[in-house]
Full PDB file with SEQRES, HELIX, SHEET, SSBOND, CRYST1, ORIGX, SCALE, CONECT and MASTER records, all heavy atoms in Angstrom:
SEQRES   1 A   38  ARG SER PRO GLY GLU ARG ALA ILE ALA GLN LEU LYS GLN          
SEQRES   2 A   38  TRP ALA ILE LEU ARG ARG LEU ARG CYS CYS PRO ASN ARG          
SEQRES   3 A   38  ALA GLY GLN ILE THR ARG ALA VAL LEU ILE LEU GLN              
HELIX    1 AA1 PRO A    3  LEU A   11  1                                   9    
HELIX    2 AA2 ALA A   15  LEU A   17  5                                   3    
HELIX    3 AA3 PRO A   24  ARG A   26  5                                   3    
HELIX    4 AA4 ALA A   27  LEU A   37  1                                  11    
CRYST1    1.000    1.000    1.000  90.00  90.00  90.00 P 1           1          
ORIGX1      1.000000  0.000000  0.000000        0.00000                         
ORIGX2      0.000000  1.000000  0.000000        0.00000                         
ORIGX3      0.000000  0.000000  1.000000        0.00000                         
SCALE1      1.000000  0.000000  0.000000        0.00000                         
SCALE2      0.000000  1.000000  0.000000        0.00000                         
SCALE3      0.000000  0.000000  1.000000        0.00000                         
ATOM      1  N   ARG A   1      35.038  36.123 147.267  1.00  0.00           N  
ATOM      2  CA  ARG A   1      35.682  37.267 146.671  1.00  0.00           C  
ATOM      3  C   ARG A   1      37.071  36.919 146.216  1.00  0.00           C  
ATOM      4  O   ARG A   1      37.597  37.670 145.276  1.00  0.00           O  
ATOM      5  CB  ARG A   1      35.831  38.288 147.727  1.00  0.00           C  
ATOM      6  CG  ARG A   1      36.036  39.793 147.198  1.00  0.00           C  
ATOM      7  CD  ARG A   1      36.473  40.694 148.301  1.00  0.00           C  
ATOM      8  NE  ARG A   1      37.785  40.434 148.800  1.00  0.00           N  
ATOM      9  CZ  ARG A   1      38.913  40.616 148.227  1.00  0.00           C  
ATOM     10  NH1 ARG A   1      38.942  41.281 147.043  1.00  0.00           N  
ATOM     11  NH2 ARG A   1      40.144  40.184 148.751  1.00  0.00           N  
ATOM     12  N   SER A   2      37.626  35.833 146.674  1.00  0.00           N  
ATOM     13  CA  SER A   2      39.095  35.579 146.295  1.00  0.00           C  
ATOM     14  C   SER A   2      39.362  35.422 144.836  1.00  0.00           C  
ATOM     15  O   SER A   2      40.425  35.784 144.350  1.00  0.00           O  
ATOM     16  CB  SER A   2      39.584  34.383 147.147  1.00  0.00           C  
ATOM     17  OG  SER A   2      38.779  33.219 146.810  1.00  0.00           O  
ATOM     18  N   PRO A   3      38.387  34.802 144.046  1.00  0.00           N  
ATOM     19  CA  PRO A   3      38.721  34.790 142.602  1.00  0.00           C  
ATOM     20  C   PRO A   3      38.945  36.122 142.005  1.00  0.00           C  
ATOM     21  O   PRO A   3      39.464  36.102 140.867  1.00  0.00           O  
ATOM     22  CB  PRO A   3      37.378  34.129 142.080  1.00  0.00           C  
ATOM     23  CG  PRO A   3      36.809  33.303 143.228  1.00  0.00           C  
ATOM     24  CD  PRO A   3      37.143  34.101 144.372  1.00  0.00           C  
ATOM     25  N   GLY A   4      38.517  37.244 142.571  1.00  0.00           N  
ATOM     26  CA  GLY A   4      38.779  38.485 142.010  1.00  0.00           C  
ATOM     27  C   GLY A   4      40.209  38.789 141.947  1.00  0.00           C  
ATOM     28  O   GLY A   4      40.697  39.600 140.942  1.00  0.00           O  
ATOM     29  N   GLU A   5      41.077  38.241 142.749  1.00  0.00           N  
ATOM     30  CA  GLU A   5      42.519  38.384 142.614  1.00  0.00           C  
ATOM     31  C   GLU A   5      43.072  37.689 141.277  1.00  0.00           C  
ATOM     32  O   GLU A   5      43.996  38.165 140.743  1.00  0.00           O  
ATOM     33  CB  GLU A   5      43.209  37.741 143.852  1.00  0.00           C  
ATOM     34  CG  GLU A   5      42.803  38.283 145.206  1.00  0.00           C  
ATOM     35  CD  GLU A   5      43.392  39.750 145.362  1.00  0.00           C  
ATOM     36  OE1 GLU A   5      44.332  39.993 144.687  1.00  0.00           O  
ATOM     37  OE2 GLU A   5      42.748  40.436 146.203  1.00  0.00           O  
ATOM     38  N   ARG A   6      42.292  36.650 140.894  1.00  0.00           N  
ATOM     39  CA  ARG A   6      42.667  35.979 139.645  1.00  0.00           C  
ATOM     40  C   ARG A   6      42.439  36.917 138.392  1.00  0.00           C  
ATOM     41  O   ARG A   6      43.293  36.901 137.431  1.00  0.00           O  
ATOM     42  CB  ARG A   6      41.815  34.786 139.450  1.00  0.00           C  
ATOM     43  CG  ARG A   6      42.278  33.851 138.406  1.00  0.00           C  
ATOM     44  CD  ARG A   6      41.420  32.634 138.171  1.00  0.00           C  
ATOM     45  NE  ARG A   6      41.116  32.013 139.509  1.00  0.00           N  
ATOM     46  CZ  ARG A   6      40.109  31.450 139.795  1.00  0.00           C  
ATOM     47  NH1 ARG A   6      39.056  31.206 138.931  1.00  0.00           N  
ATOM     48  NH2 ARG A   6      39.955  30.882 141.052  1.00  0.00           N  
ATOM     49  N   ALA A   7      41.494  37.812 138.468  1.00  0.00           N  
ATOM     50  CA  ALA A   7      41.213  38.817 137.385  1.00  0.00           C  
ATOM     51  C   ALA A   7      42.450  39.710 137.157  1.00  0.00           C  
ATOM     52  O   ALA A   7      42.913  39.954 136.066  1.00  0.00           O  
ATOM     53  CB  ALA A   7      39.999  39.465 137.620  1.00  0.00           C  
ATOM     54  N   ILE A   8      42.892  40.163 138.347  1.00  0.00           N  
ATOM     55  CA  ILE A   8      43.920  41.089 138.314  1.00  0.00           C  
ATOM     56  C   ILE A   8      45.287  40.395 137.937  1.00  0.00           C  
ATOM     57  O   ILE A   8      46.142  40.962 137.151  1.00  0.00           O  
ATOM     58  CB  ILE A   8      44.170  41.817 139.692  1.00  0.00           C  
ATOM     59  CG1 ILE A   8      42.976  42.729 140.057  1.00  0.00           C  
ATOM     60  CG2 ILE A   8      45.529  42.596 139.771  1.00  0.00           C  
ATOM     61  CD1 ILE A   8      43.008  43.391 141.248  1.00  0.00           C  
ATOM     62  N   ALA A   9      45.413  39.207 138.359  1.00  0.00           N  
ATOM     63  CA  ALA A   9      46.632  38.406 137.888  1.00  0.00           C  
ATOM     64  C   ALA A   9      46.614  38.124 136.399  1.00  0.00           C  
ATOM     65  O   ALA A   9      47.720  38.107 135.779  1.00  0.00           O  
ATOM     66  CB  ALA A   9      46.674  37.011 138.637  1.00  0.00           C  
ATOM     67  N   GLN A  10      45.496  37.862 135.802  1.00  0.00           N  
ATOM     68  CA  GLN A  10      45.407  37.695 134.436  1.00  0.00           C  
ATOM     69  C   GLN A  10      45.756  39.008 133.606  1.00  0.00           C  
ATOM     70  O   GLN A  10      46.528  38.898 132.760  1.00  0.00           O  
ATOM     71  CB  GLN A  10      43.863  37.328 134.013  1.00  0.00           C  
ATOM     72  CG  GLN A  10      43.485  36.090 134.428  1.00  0.00           C  
ATOM     73  CD  GLN A  10      42.001  35.782 133.967  1.00  0.00           C  
ATOM     74  OE1 GLN A  10      41.698  36.029 132.849  1.00  0.00           O  
ATOM     75  NE2 GLN A  10      41.217  35.173 134.822  1.00  0.00           N  
ATOM     76  N   LEU A  11      45.361  40.171 134.172  1.00  0.00           N  
ATOM     77  CA  LEU A  11      45.754  41.348 133.412  1.00  0.00           C  
ATOM     78  C   LEU A  11      47.291  41.545 133.618  1.00  0.00           C  
ATOM     79  O   LEU A  11      48.075  42.117 132.678  1.00  0.00           O  
ATOM     80  CB  LEU A  11      45.009  42.574 134.122  1.00  0.00           C  
ATOM     81  CG  LEU A  11      43.481  42.519 133.836  1.00  0.00           C  
ATOM     82  CD1 LEU A  11      42.847  43.671 134.658  1.00  0.00           C  
ATOM     83  CD2 LEU A  11      43.156  42.626 132.376  1.00  0.00           C  
ATOM     84  N   LYS A  12      47.810  41.246 134.862  1.00  0.00           N  
ATOM     85  CA  LYS A  12      49.231  41.606 135.075  1.00  0.00           C  
ATOM     86  C   LYS A  12      50.131  40.390 134.542  1.00  0.00           C  
ATOM     87  O   LYS A  12      51.382  40.427 134.746  1.00  0.00           O  
ATOM     88  CB  LYS A  12      49.499  41.743 136.592  1.00  0.00           C  
ATOM     89  CG  LYS A  12      48.926  43.094 136.934  1.00  0.00           C  
ATOM     90  CD  LYS A  12      49.396  43.620 138.301  1.00  0.00           C  
ATOM     91  CE  LYS A  12      48.969  44.975 138.608  1.00  0.00           C  
ATOM     92  NZ  LYS A  12      49.424  45.471 139.931  1.00  0.00           N  
ATOM     93  N   GLN A  13      49.540  39.407 133.847  1.00  0.00           N  
ATOM     94  CA  GLN A  13      50.421  38.637 132.984  1.00  0.00           C  
ATOM     95  C   GLN A  13      51.155  39.319 131.945  1.00  0.00           C  
ATOM     96  O   GLN A  13      52.177  38.972 131.435  1.00  0.00           O  
ATOM     97  CB  GLN A  13      49.507  37.522 132.379  1.00  0.00           C  
ATOM     98  CG  GLN A  13      49.034  36.461 133.325  1.00  0.00           C  
ATOM     99  CD  GLN A  13      48.234  35.392 132.550  1.00  0.00           C  
ATOM    100  OE1 GLN A  13      48.662  34.233 132.365  1.00  0.00           O  
ATOM    101  NE2 GLN A  13      47.092  35.736 131.968  1.00  0.00           N  
ATOM    102  N   TRP A  14      50.493  40.398 131.581  1.00  0.00           N  
ATOM    103  CA  TRP A  14      51.015  41.327 130.547  1.00  0.00           C  
ATOM    104  C   TRP A  14      52.029  42.241 131.284  1.00  0.00           C  
ATOM    105  O   TRP A  14      51.728  43.104 132.047  1.00  0.00           O  
ATOM    106  CB  TRP A  14      49.904  42.115 129.863  1.00  0.00           C  
ATOM    107  CG  TRP A  14      48.973  41.305 129.235  1.00  0.00           C  
ATOM    108  CD1 TRP A  14      48.020  40.490 129.753  1.00  0.00           C  
ATOM    109  CD2 TRP A  14      48.779  41.080 127.726  1.00  0.00           C  
ATOM    110  NE1 TRP A  14      47.281  39.702 128.830  1.00  0.00           N  
ATOM    111  CE2 TRP A  14      47.761  40.190 127.545  1.00  0.00           C  
ATOM    112  CE3 TRP A  14      49.446  41.640 126.685  1.00  0.00           C  
ATOM    113  CZ2 TRP A  14      47.346  39.730 126.308  1.00  0.00           C  
ATOM    114  CZ3 TRP A  14      49.007  41.237 125.450  1.00  0.00           C  
ATOM    115  CH2 TRP A  14      48.001  40.327 125.215  1.00  0.00           C  
ATOM    116  N   ALA A  15      53.310  42.062 130.900  1.00  0.00           N  
ATOM    117  CA  ALA A  15      54.382  42.740 131.656  1.00  0.00           C  
ATOM    118  C   ALA A  15      54.257  44.247 131.702  1.00  0.00           C  
ATOM    119  O   ALA A  15      54.744  44.866 132.676  1.00  0.00           O  
ATOM    120  CB  ALA A  15      55.726  42.293 131.228  1.00  0.00           C  
ATOM    121  N   ILE A  16      53.721  44.784 130.693  1.00  0.00           N  
ATOM    122  CA  ILE A  16      53.564  46.271 130.621  1.00  0.00           C  
ATOM    123  C   ILE A  16      52.823  46.790 131.801  1.00  0.00           C  
ATOM    124  O   ILE A  16      53.069  47.956 132.319  1.00  0.00           O  
ATOM    125  CB  ILE A  16      52.854  46.662 129.355  1.00  0.00           C  
ATOM    126  CG1 ILE A  16      53.004  48.272 129.186  1.00  0.00           C  
ATOM    127  CG2 ILE A  16      51.324  46.315 129.396  1.00  0.00           C  
ATOM    128  CD1 ILE A  16      54.387  48.633 128.780  1.00  0.00           C  
ATOM    129  N   LEU A  17      51.940  45.977 132.468  1.00  0.00           N  
ATOM    130  CA  LEU A  17      51.147  46.450 133.619  1.00  0.00           C  
ATOM    131  C   LEU A  17      51.808  46.215 135.082  1.00  0.00           C  
ATOM    132  O   LEU A  17      51.263  46.570 135.976  1.00  0.00           O  
ATOM    133  CB  LEU A  17      49.736  45.792 133.757  1.00  0.00           C  
ATOM    134  CG  LEU A  17      48.814  46.136 132.479  1.00  0.00           C  
ATOM    135  CD1 LEU A  17      47.489  45.461 132.621  1.00  0.00           C  
ATOM    136  CD2 LEU A  17      48.551  47.620 132.404  1.00  0.00           C  
ATOM    137  N   ARG A  18      53.033  45.612 134.942  1.00  0.00           N  
ATOM    138  CA  ARG A  18      53.710  45.410 136.179  1.00  0.00           C  
ATOM    139  C   ARG A  18      54.517  46.732 136.605  1.00  0.00           C  
ATOM    140  O   ARG A  18      54.706  46.942 137.866  1.00  0.00           O  
ATOM    141  CB  ARG A  18      54.653  44.207 136.006  1.00  0.00           C  
ATOM    142  CG  ARG A  18      53.894  42.927 135.882  1.00  0.00           C  
ATOM    143  CD  ARG A  18      54.878  41.734 135.608  1.00  0.00           C  
ATOM    144  NE  ARG A  18      54.215  40.666 134.983  1.00  0.00           N  
ATOM    145  CZ  ARG A  18      54.830  39.798 134.257  1.00  0.00           C  
ATOM    146  NH1 ARG A  18      56.202  39.838 134.164  1.00  0.00           N  
ATOM    147  NH2 ARG A  18      54.187  38.788 133.627  1.00  0.00           N  
ATOM    148  N   ARG A  19      54.836  47.449 135.575  1.00  0.00           N  
ATOM    149  CA  ARG A  19      55.633  48.690 135.937  1.00  0.00           C  
ATOM    150  C   ARG A  19      55.599  49.503 134.627  1.00  0.00           C  
ATOM    151  O   ARG A  19      56.313  49.086 133.607  1.00  0.00           O  
ATOM    152  CB  ARG A  19      57.070  48.541 136.378  1.00  0.00           C  
ATOM    153  CG  ARG A  19      57.624  49.764 136.852  1.00  0.00           C  
ATOM    154  CD  ARG A  19      58.970  49.534 137.590  1.00  0.00           C  
ATOM    155  NE  ARG A  19      59.392  50.659 138.364  1.00  0.00           N  
ATOM    156  CZ  ARG A  19      59.075  50.945 139.652  1.00  0.00           C  
ATOM    157  NH1 ARG A  19      58.282  50.091 140.176  1.00  0.00           N  
ATOM    158  NH2 ARG A  19      59.436  51.979 140.154  1.00  0.00           N  
ATOM    159  N   LEU A  20      54.957  50.523 134.603  1.00  0.00           N  
ATOM    160  CA  LEU A  20      54.942  51.542 133.475  1.00  0.00           C  
ATOM    161  C   LEU A  20      56.161  52.368 133.386  1.00  0.00           C  
ATOM    162  O   LEU A  20      56.685  52.881 134.420  1.00  0.00           O  
ATOM    163  CB  LEU A  20      53.770  52.453 133.571  1.00  0.00           C  
ATOM    164  CG  LEU A  20      52.334  51.930 133.340  1.00  0.00           C  
ATOM    165  CD1 LEU A  20      51.341  52.970 133.433  1.00  0.00           C  
ATOM    166  CD2 LEU A  20      52.246  51.205 132.071  1.00  0.00           C  
ATOM    167  N   ARG A  21      56.670  52.525 132.167  1.00  0.00           N  
ATOM    168  CA  ARG A  21      57.881  53.463 132.010  1.00  0.00           C  
ATOM    169  C   ARG A  21      57.423  54.545 130.958  1.00  0.00           C  
ATOM    170  O   ARG A  21      58.290  54.946 130.174  1.00  0.00           O  
ATOM    171  CB  ARG A  21      59.045  52.665 131.516  1.00  0.00           C  
ATOM    172  CG  ARG A  21      59.588  51.778 132.632  1.00  0.00           C  
ATOM    173  CD  ARG A  21      60.787  50.967 132.230  1.00  0.00           C  
ATOM    174  NE  ARG A  21      61.382  50.292 133.330  1.00  0.00           N  
ATOM    175  CZ  ARG A  21      61.058  49.139 133.888  1.00  0.00           C  
ATOM    176  NH1 ARG A  21      59.858  48.507 133.368  1.00  0.00           N  
ATOM    177  NH2 ARG A  21      61.522  48.664 134.900  1.00  0.00           N  
ATOM    178  N   CYS A  22      56.174  54.932 130.903  1.00  0.00           N  
ATOM    179  CA  CYS A  22      55.609  55.928 130.140  1.00  0.00           C  
ATOM    180  C   CYS A  22      54.859  56.866 131.031  1.00  0.00           C  
ATOM    181  O   CYS A  22      55.012  56.871 132.261  1.00  0.00           O  
ATOM    182  CB  CYS A  22      54.687  55.297 129.058  1.00  0.00           C  
ATOM    183  SG  CYS A  22      53.353  54.446 129.701  1.00  0.00           S  
ATOM    184  N   CYS A  23      54.137  57.898 130.357  1.00  0.00           N  
ATOM    185  CA  CYS A  23      53.369  58.792 131.183  1.00  0.00           C  
ATOM    186  C   CYS A  23      52.295  57.940 132.075  1.00  0.00           C  
ATOM    187  O   CYS A  23      51.569  57.125 131.502  1.00  0.00           O  
ATOM    188  CB  CYS A  23      52.639  59.797 130.283  1.00  0.00           C  
ATOM    189  SG  CYS A  23      51.485  60.896 131.116  1.00  0.00           S  
ATOM    190  N   PRO A  24      52.318  58.235 133.402  1.00  0.00           N  
ATOM    191  CA  PRO A  24      51.425  57.458 134.236  1.00  0.00           C  
ATOM    192  C   PRO A  24      49.936  57.665 133.787  1.00  0.00           C  
ATOM    193  O   PRO A  24      49.165  56.757 134.119  1.00  0.00           O  
ATOM    194  CB  PRO A  24      51.663  58.034 135.587  1.00  0.00           C  
ATOM    195  CG  PRO A  24      53.040  58.604 135.510  1.00  0.00           C  
ATOM    196  CD  PRO A  24      53.243  59.084 134.134  1.00  0.00           C  
ATOM    197  N   ASN A  25      49.589  58.734 133.247  1.00  0.00           N  
ATOM    198  CA  ASN A  25      48.219  59.062 132.843  1.00  0.00           C  
ATOM    199  C   ASN A  25      47.752  58.110 131.771  1.00  0.00           C  
ATOM    200  O   ASN A  25      46.520  58.041 131.463  1.00  0.00           O  
ATOM    201  CB  ASN A  25      48.023  60.517 132.461  1.00  0.00           C  
ATOM    202  CG  ASN A  25      48.205  61.381 133.628  1.00  0.00           C  
ATOM    203  OD1 ASN A  25      47.772  61.133 134.768  1.00  0.00           O  
ATOM    204  ND2 ASN A  25      48.883  62.527 133.390  1.00  0.00           N  
ATOM    205  N   ARG A  26      48.722  57.350 131.136  1.00  0.00           N  
ATOM    206  CA  ARG A  26      48.302  56.370 130.117  1.00  0.00           C  
ATOM    207  C   ARG A  26      47.922  54.970 130.707  1.00  0.00           C  
ATOM    208  O   ARG A  26      47.506  54.140 129.973  1.00  0.00           O  
ATOM    209  CB  ARG A  26      49.378  56.166 129.080  1.00  0.00           C  
ATOM    210  CG  ARG A  26      49.633  57.436 128.315  1.00  0.00           C  
ATOM    211  CD  ARG A  26      50.538  57.097 127.048  1.00  0.00           C  
ATOM    212  NE  ARG A  26      49.820  56.124 126.135  1.00  0.00           N  
ATOM    213  CZ  ARG A  26      50.273  55.042 125.722  1.00  0.00           C  
ATOM    214  NH1 ARG A  26      51.525  54.592 126.270  1.00  0.00           N  
ATOM    215  NH2 ARG A  26      49.602  54.291 124.998  1.00  0.00           N  
ATOM    216  N   ALA A  27      47.998  54.905 131.998  1.00  0.00           N  
ATOM    217  CA  ALA A  27      47.706  53.579 132.664  1.00  0.00           C  
ATOM    218  C   ALA A  27      46.283  53.063 132.410  1.00  0.00           C  
ATOM    219  O   ALA A  27      46.167  51.889 132.081  1.00  0.00           O  
ATOM    220  CB  ALA A  27      47.931  53.652 134.154  1.00  0.00           C  
ATOM    221  N   GLY A  28      45.324  53.924 132.449  1.00  0.00           N  
ATOM    222  CA  GLY A  28      43.955  53.528 132.195  1.00  0.00           C  
ATOM    223  C   GLY A  28      43.789  52.973 130.685  1.00  0.00           C  
ATOM    224  O   GLY A  28      43.126  51.891 130.529  1.00  0.00           O  
ATOM    225  N   GLN A  29      44.250  53.728 129.775  1.00  0.00           N  
ATOM    226  CA  GLN A  29      44.174  53.256 128.370  1.00  0.00           C  
ATOM    227  C   GLN A  29      44.907  52.017 128.131  1.00  0.00           C  
ATOM    228  O   GLN A  29      44.311  51.095 127.423  1.00  0.00           O  
ATOM    229  CB  GLN A  29      44.731  54.401 127.606  1.00  0.00           C  
ATOM    230  CG  GLN A  29      44.586  54.152 126.063  1.00  0.00           C  
ATOM    231  CD  GLN A  29      45.275  55.238 125.117  1.00  0.00           C  
ATOM    232  OE1 GLN A  29      46.359  55.102 124.851  1.00  0.00           O  
ATOM    233  NE2 GLN A  29      44.426  56.111 124.718  1.00  0.00           N  
ATOM    234  N   ILE A  30      46.020  51.876 128.681  1.00  0.00           N  
ATOM    235  CA  ILE A  30      46.797  50.582 128.452  1.00  0.00           C  
ATOM    236  C   ILE A  30      46.106  49.422 129.057  1.00  0.00           C  
ATOM    237  O   ILE A  30      45.973  48.414 128.483  1.00  0.00           O  
ATOM    238  CB  ILE A  30      48.223  50.773 128.953  1.00  0.00           C  
ATOM    239  CG1 ILE A  30      49.022  51.847 128.110  1.00  0.00           C  
ATOM    240  CG2 ILE A  30      49.040  49.445 129.009  1.00  0.00           C  
ATOM    241  CD1 ILE A  30      50.471  52.122 128.579  1.00  0.00           C  
ATOM    242  N   THR A  31      45.572  49.636 130.303  1.00  0.00           N  
ATOM    243  CA  THR A  31      44.934  48.567 130.907  1.00  0.00           C  
ATOM    244  C   THR A  31      43.706  48.103 130.175  1.00  0.00           C  
ATOM    245  O   THR A  31      43.391  46.894 130.155  1.00  0.00           O  
ATOM    246  CB  THR A  31      44.507  48.929 132.405  1.00  0.00           C  
ATOM    247  OG1 THR A  31      45.666  49.425 133.192  1.00  0.00           O  
ATOM    248  CG2 THR A  31      43.812  47.795 133.133  1.00  0.00           C  
ATOM    249  N   ARG A  32      42.977  49.018 129.734  1.00  0.00           N  
ATOM    250  CA  ARG A  32      41.729  48.640 128.905  1.00  0.00           C  
ATOM    251  C   ARG A  32      42.049  47.982 127.561  1.00  0.00           C  
ATOM    252  O   ARG A  32      41.344  47.168 127.088  1.00  0.00           O  
ATOM    253  CB  ARG A  32      40.954  49.985 128.742  1.00  0.00           C  
ATOM    254  CG  ARG A  32      40.284  50.436 130.035  1.00  0.00           C  
ATOM    255  CD  ARG A  32      39.635  51.820 129.872  1.00  0.00           C  
ATOM    256  NE  ARG A  32      38.451  51.827 128.969  1.00  0.00           N  
ATOM    257  CZ  ARG A  32      37.269  51.400 129.346  1.00  0.00           C  
ATOM    258  NH1 ARG A  32      37.008  50.972 130.674  1.00  0.00           N  
ATOM    259  NH2 ARG A  32      36.297  51.412 128.528  1.00  0.00           N  
ATOM    260  N   ALA A  33      43.186  48.406 127.030  1.00  0.00           N  
ATOM    261  CA  ALA A  33      43.649  47.705 125.779  1.00  0.00           C  
ATOM    262  C   ALA A  33      43.975  46.235 126.236  1.00  0.00           C  
ATOM    263  O   ALA A  33      43.655  45.293 125.409  1.00  0.00           O  
ATOM    264  CB  ALA A  33      44.831  48.492 125.187  1.00  0.00           C  
ATOM    265  N   VAL A  34      44.781  46.072 127.245  1.00  0.00           N  
ATOM    266  CA  VAL A  34      45.146  44.730 127.674  1.00  0.00           C  
ATOM    267  C   VAL A  34      43.817  43.879 127.981  1.00  0.00           C  
ATOM    268  O   VAL A  34      43.796  42.733 127.724  1.00  0.00           O  
ATOM    269  CB  VAL A  34      46.086  44.874 128.984  1.00  0.00           C  
ATOM    270  CG1 VAL A  34      46.179  43.469 129.578  1.00  0.00           C  
ATOM    271  CG2 VAL A  34      47.421  45.317 128.609  1.00  0.00           C  
ATOM    272  N   LEU A  35      42.917  44.507 128.644  1.00  0.00           N  
ATOM    273  CA  LEU A  35      41.572  43.892 128.949  1.00  0.00           C  
ATOM    274  C   LEU A  35      40.942  43.221 127.709  1.00  0.00           C  
ATOM    275  O   LEU A  35      40.578  42.017 127.727  1.00  0.00           O  
ATOM    276  CB  LEU A  35      40.590  44.818 129.621  1.00  0.00           C  
ATOM    277  CG  LEU A  35      39.141  44.344 129.797  1.00  0.00           C  
ATOM    278  CD1 LEU A  35      39.093  43.212 130.785  1.00  0.00           C  
ATOM    279  CD2 LEU A  35      38.279  45.469 130.322  1.00  0.00           C  
ATOM    280  N   ILE A  36      40.798  44.062 126.658  1.00  0.00           N  
ATOM    281  CA  ILE A  36      40.229  43.576 125.335  1.00  0.00           C  
ATOM    282  C   ILE A  36      40.989  42.408 124.783  1.00  0.00           C  
ATOM    283  O   ILE A  36      40.453  41.362 124.346  1.00  0.00           O  
ATOM    284  CB  ILE A  36      39.974  44.645 124.427  1.00  0.00           C  
ATOM    285  CG1 ILE A  36      38.934  44.195 123.459  1.00  0.00           C  
ATOM    286  CG2 ILE A  36      41.185  45.189 123.735  1.00  0.00           C  
ATOM    287  CD1 ILE A  36      37.557  44.129 123.953  1.00  0.00           C  
ATOM    288  N   LEU A  37      42.383  42.506 124.925  1.00  0.00           N  
ATOM    289  CA  LEU A  37      43.159  41.436 124.393  1.00  0.00           C  
ATOM    290  C   LEU A  37      43.032  40.094 125.293  1.00  0.00           C  
ATOM    291  O   LEU A  37      43.042  39.066 124.758  1.00  0.00           O  
ATOM    292  CB  LEU A  37      44.623  41.897 124.315  1.00  0.00           C  
ATOM    293  CG  LEU A  37      44.943  42.937 123.283  1.00  0.00           C  
ATOM    294  CD1 LEU A  37      46.326  43.521 123.481  1.00  0.00           C  
ATOM    295  CD2 LEU A  37      44.814  42.459 121.788  1.00  0.00           C  
ATOM    296  N   GLN A  38      43.097  40.387 126.568  1.00  0.00           N  
ATOM    297  CA  GLN A  38      42.988  39.218 127.497  1.00  0.00           C  
ATOM    298  C   GLN A  38      41.587  38.566 127.394  1.00  0.00           C  
ATOM    299  O   GLN A  38      41.525  37.252 127.359  1.00  0.00           O  
ATOM    300  CB  GLN A  38      43.167  39.663 128.975  1.00  0.00           C  
ATOM    301  CG  GLN A  38      43.084  38.527 129.981  1.00  0.00           C  
ATOM    302  CD  GLN A  38      44.118  37.501 129.707  1.00  0.00           C  
ATOM    303  OE1 GLN A  38      45.271  37.707 129.367  1.00  0.00           O  
ATOM    304  NE2 GLN A  38      43.761  36.287 130.026  1.00  0.00           N  
TER     305      GLN A  38                                                      
MASTER        0    0    0    4    0    0    0    6  304    1    0    3          
END                                                                             
């Protein structure tokens, strides 16, 4: 299971996902946008 942590680490290479400074409800949309880019 430990490689699963790598998946989250890849997403959080994108600094926007380390701390949002916008409406929290946009977190899902931003994460999915980052996913397609990653």
